[in-house]
């Protein structure tokens, strides 16, 4: 009996993940709900999209069981100065949901991806 496939394998590997990340990052960086936060807006206009997409692709691949290794800063280090609110976090999750729906990612895999993303919440969202 063969071992269960990793989430990375079930998502199709690096190329399909990179395509989803490409759409998702464009959606996030252009989202007026997120860019209403001046710190987020400034960060979105300072960072090169291609590099940001590369790092997020690395991160998603590693988190889902792929061979890639994330080489960026920690979530806490890269978000602490942005003062992300609960509402902005909800908008971010909505953007993720829209992208996953666009790519017809199956419900089980969506749930697993959301669990991974939710595990980073405390390092990203401003404490109450």
C-alpha atoms as a PDB file:
ATOM      1  CA  UNK A   1       0.000   0.000   0.000  1.00  0.00           C
ATOM      2  CA  UNK A   2       1.424   3.396  -0.969  1.00  0.00           C
ATOM      3  CA  UNK A   3       1.727   6.332   1.381  1.00  0.00           C
ATOM      4  CA  UNK A   4      -0.850   9.088   1.231  1.00  0.00           C
ATOM      5  CA  UNK A   5       0.080  11.937  -1.085  1.00  0.00           C
ATOM      6  CA  UNK A   6       1.240  15.184   0.474  1.00  0.00           C
ATOM      7  CA  UNK A   7      -0.820  18.331   0.027  1.00  0.00           C
ATOM      8  CA  UNK A   8       1.970  19.571  -2.252  1.00  0.00           C
ATOM      9  CA  UNK A   9       1.489  16.528  -4.507  1.00  0.00           C
ATOM     10  CA  UNK A  10      -2.307  16.816  -4.428  1.00  0.00           C
ATOM     11  CA  UNK A  11      -2.018  20.465  -5.489  1.00  0.00           C
ATOM     12  CA  UNK A  12       0.082  19.376  -8.466  1.00  0.00           C
ATOM     13  CA  UNK A  13       3.513  20.567  -7.355  1.00  0.00           C
ATOM     14  CA  UNK A  14       5.410  23.798  -7.832  1.00  0.00           C
ATOM     15  CA  UNK A  15       3.955  24.945 -11.174  1.00  0.00           C
ATOM     16  CA  UNK A  16       0.264  24.884 -10.221  1.00  0.00           C
ATOM     17  CA  UNK A  17       1.128  26.340  -6.797  1.00  0.00           C
ATOM     18  CA  UNK A  18       3.092  29.164  -8.477  1.00  0.00           C
ATOM     19  CA  UNK A  19       0.112  29.905 -10.764  1.00  0.00           C
ATOM     20  CA  UNK A  20      -2.223  30.161  -7.765  1.00  0.00           C
ATOM     21  CA  UNK A  21       0.267  32.337  -5.862  1.00  0.00           C
ATOM     22  CA  UNK A  22       0.629  34.600  -8.920  1.00  0.00           C
ATOM     23  CA  UNK A  23      -3.121  35.294  -8.957  1.00  0.00           C
ATOM     24  CA  UNK A  24      -3.379  35.524  -5.177  1.00  0.00           C
ATOM     25  CA  UNK A  25      -0.564  38.042  -4.718  1.00  0.00           C
ATOM     26  CA  UNK A  26      -1.949  40.257  -7.491  1.00  0.00           C
ATOM     27  CA  UNK A  27      -5.338  40.109  -5.766  1.00  0.00           C
ATOM     28  CA  UNK A  28      -3.881  40.929  -2.331  1.00  0.00           C
ATOM     29  CA  UNK A  29      -1.636  43.736  -3.540  1.00  0.00           C
ATOM     30  CA  UNK A  30      -4.511  45.428  -5.400  1.00  0.00           C
ATOM     31  CA  UNK A  31      -7.146  44.927  -2.684  1.00  0.00           C
ATOM     32  CA  UNK A  32      -8.449  48.330  -1.545  1.00  0.00           C
ATOM     33  CA  UNK A  33      -9.538  46.773   1.772  1.00  0.00           C
ATOM     34  CA  UNK A  34      -5.896  45.990   2.521  1.00  0.00           C
ATOM     35  CA  UNK A  35      -4.409  49.101   0.938  1.00  0.00           C
ATOM     36  CA  UNK A  36      -6.622  51.311   3.119  1.00  0.00           C
ATOM     37  CA  UNK A  37      -3.988  50.599   5.786  1.00  0.00           C
ATOM     38  CA  UNK A  38      -1.242  53.114   4.859  1.00  0.00           C
ATOM     39  CA  UNK A  39       1.505  50.806   6.143  1.00  0.00           C
ATOM     40  CA  UNK A  40       0.270  47.919   4.001  1.00  0.00           C
ATOM     41  CA  UNK A  41      -0.209  50.210   0.996  1.00  0.00           C
ATOM     42  CA  UNK A  42       3.364  51.489   1.315  1.00  0.00           C
ATOM     43  CA  UNK A  43       4.726  47.940   1.612  1.00  0.00           C
ATOM     44  CA  UNK A  44       2.719  46.820  -1.427  1.00  0.00           C
ATOM     45  CA  UNK A  45       4.254  49.613  -3.491  1.00  0.00           C
ATOM     46  CA  UNK A  46       7.798  49.137  -2.165  1.00  0.00           C
ATOM     47  CA  UNK A  47       8.226  45.409  -2.746  1.00  0.00           C
ATOM     48  CA  UNK A  48       8.799  43.895  -6.190  1.00  0.00           C
ATOM     49  CA  UNK A  49       5.824  41.657  -7.016  1.00  0.00           C
ATOM     50  CA  UNK A  50       7.935  39.028  -8.761  1.00  0.00           C
ATOM     51  CA  UNK A  51      10.179  38.599  -5.728  1.00  0.00           C
ATOM     52  CA  UNK A  52       7.229  38.546  -3.351  1.00  0.00           C
ATOM     53  CA  UNK A  53       5.520  35.878  -5.471  1.00  0.00           C
ATOM     54  CA  UNK A  54       8.724  33.840  -5.479  1.00  0.00           C
ATOM     55  CA  UNK A  55       8.986  33.890  -1.670  1.00  0.00           C
ATOM     56  CA  UNK A  56       5.301  33.052  -1.169  1.00  0.00           C
ATOM     57  CA  UNK A  57       5.625  30.180  -3.655  1.00  0.00           C
ATOM     58  CA  UNK A  58       8.606  28.848  -1.684  1.00  0.00           C
ATOM     59  CA  UNK A  59       6.664  29.187   1.537  1.00  0.00           C
ATOM     60  CA  UNK A  60       3.526  27.438   0.263  1.00  0.00           C
ATOM     61  CA  UNK A  61       5.558  24.650  -1.318  1.00  0.00           C
ATOM     62  CA  UNK A  62       7.482  23.997   1.906  1.00  0.00           C
ATOM     63  CA  UNK A  63       4.359  24.238   4.098  1.00  0.00           C
ATOM     64  CA  UNK A  64       2.492  21.727   1.931  1.00  0.00           C
ATOM     65  CA  UNK A  65       5.258  19.132   1.942  1.00  0.00           C
ATOM     66  CA  UNK A  66       7.250  20.062  -1.149  1.00  0.00           C
ATOM     67  CA  UNK A  67      11.042  19.993  -1.479  1.00  0.00           C
ATOM     68  CA  UNK A  68      11.399  23.795  -1.614  1.00  0.00           C
ATOM     69  CA  UNK A  69      12.642  25.707   1.416  1.00  0.00           C
ATOM     70  CA  UNK A  70      11.347  29.138   2.401  1.00  0.00           C
ATOM     71  CA  UNK A  71      14.187  31.665   2.432  1.00  0.00           C
ATOM     72  CA  UNK A  72      12.290  34.792   3.518  1.00  0.00           C
ATOM     73  CA  UNK A  73      11.901  36.493   6.883  1.00  0.00           C
ATOM     74  CA  UNK A  74       9.610  35.141   9.588  1.00  0.00           C
ATOM     75  CA  UNK A  75       5.950  36.136   9.434  1.00  0.00           C
ATOM     76  CA  UNK A  76       6.361  38.111  12.656  1.00  0.00           C
ATOM     77  CA  UNK A  77       9.406  40.020  11.354  1.00  0.00           C
ATOM     78  CA  UNK A  78       7.823  40.824   8.005  1.00  0.00           C
ATOM     79  CA  UNK A  79       4.406  41.910   9.354  1.00  0.00           C
ATOM     80  CA  UNK A  80       4.927  43.445  12.823  1.00  0.00           C
ATOM     81  CA  UNK A  81       5.281  47.008  11.524  1.00  0.00           C
ATOM     82  CA  UNK A  82       2.164  46.761   9.313  1.00  0.00           C
ATOM     83  CA  UNK A  83      -0.366  46.770  12.170  1.00  0.00           C
ATOM     84  CA  UNK A  84      -2.679  44.287  10.428  1.00  0.00           C
ATOM     85  CA  UNK A  85      -6.219  44.329  11.873  1.00  0.00           C
ATOM     86  CA  UNK A  86      -8.797  41.552  12.182  1.00  0.00           C
ATOM     87  CA  UNK A  87     -10.731  43.131   9.298  1.00  0.00           C
ATOM     88  CA  UNK A  88      -7.650  43.148   7.082  1.00  0.00           C
ATOM     89  CA  UNK A  89      -6.941  39.531   8.000  1.00  0.00           C
ATOM     90  CA  UNK A  90     -10.532  38.658   6.995  1.00  0.00           C
ATOM     91  CA  UNK A  91     -10.054  40.488   3.661  1.00  0.00           C
ATOM     92  CA  UNK A  92      -6.800  38.564   3.089  1.00  0.00           C
ATOM     93  CA  UNK A  93      -8.596  35.262   3.739  1.00  0.00           C
ATOM     94  CA  UNK A  94     -11.388  36.330   1.385  1.00  0.00           C
ATOM     95  CA  UNK A  95      -8.788  37.009  -1.322  1.00  0.00           C
ATOM     96  CA  UNK A  96      -7.348  33.546  -0.730  1.00  0.00           C
ATOM     97  CA  UNK A  97     -10.799  31.974  -0.970  1.00  0.00           C
ATOM     98  CA  UNK A  98     -11.499  33.814  -4.249  1.00  0.00           C
ATOM     99  CA  UNK A  99      -8.216  32.632  -5.776  1.00  0.00           C
ATOM    100  CA  UNK A 100      -8.679  29.018  -4.678  1.00  0.00           C
ATOM    101  CA  UNK A 101     -12.224  29.045  -6.090  1.00  0.00           C
ATOM    102  CA  UNK A 102     -10.976  30.509  -9.388  1.00  0.00           C
ATOM    103  CA  UNK A 103      -8.527  27.607  -9.721  1.00  0.00           C
ATOM    104  CA  UNK A 104     -11.126  25.020  -8.630  1.00  0.00           C
ATOM    105  CA  UNK A 105      -8.993  23.792  -5.741  1.00  0.00           C
ATOM    106  CA  UNK A 106     -10.978  20.945  -4.120  1.00  0.00           C
ATOM    107  CA  UNK A 107     -12.625  21.611  -0.748  1.00  0.00           C
ATOM    108  CA  UNK A 108     -10.384  19.241   1.239  1.00  0.00           C
ATOM    109  CA  UNK A 109      -7.222  20.869  -0.078  1.00  0.00           C
ATOM    110  CA  UNK A 110      -8.708  24.336   0.508  1.00  0.00           C
ATOM    111  CA  UNK A 111      -9.378  23.425   4.139  1.00  0.00           C
ATOM    112  CA  UNK A 112      -5.810  22.216   4.584  1.00  0.00           C
ATOM    113  CA  UNK A 113      -4.417  25.392   3.013  1.00  0.00           C
ATOM    114  CA  UNK A 114      -6.611  27.571   5.233  1.00  0.00           C
ATOM    115  CA  UNK A 115      -5.381  25.672   8.300  1.00  0.00           C
ATOM    116  CA  UNK A 116      -1.779  26.384   7.273  1.00  0.00           C
ATOM    117  CA  UNK A 117      -2.546  30.064   6.725  1.00  0.00           C
ATOM    118  CA  UNK A 118      -4.472  30.312  10.000  1.00  0.00           C
ATOM    119  CA  UNK A 119      -1.412  28.930  11.808  1.00  0.00           C
ATOM    120  CA  UNK A 120       0.398  32.178  10.915  1.00  0.00           C
ATOM    121  CA  UNK A 121      -2.362  34.508  12.175  1.00  0.00           C
ATOM    122  CA  UNK A 122      -0.831  35.310  15.572  1.00  0.00           C
ATOM    123  CA  UNK A 123       2.417  36.388  13.906  1.00  0.00           C
ATOM    124  CA  UNK A 124       0.606  38.692  11.463  1.00  0.00           C
ATOM    125  CA  UNK A 125      -2.460  40.242  13.127  1.00  0.00           C
ATOM    126  CA  UNK A 126      -2.072  43.100  15.588  1.00  0.00           C
ATOM    127  CA  UNK A 127      -2.776  41.860  19.131  1.00  0.00           C
ATOM    128  CA  UNK A 128      -6.033  43.156  20.589  1.00  0.00           C
END
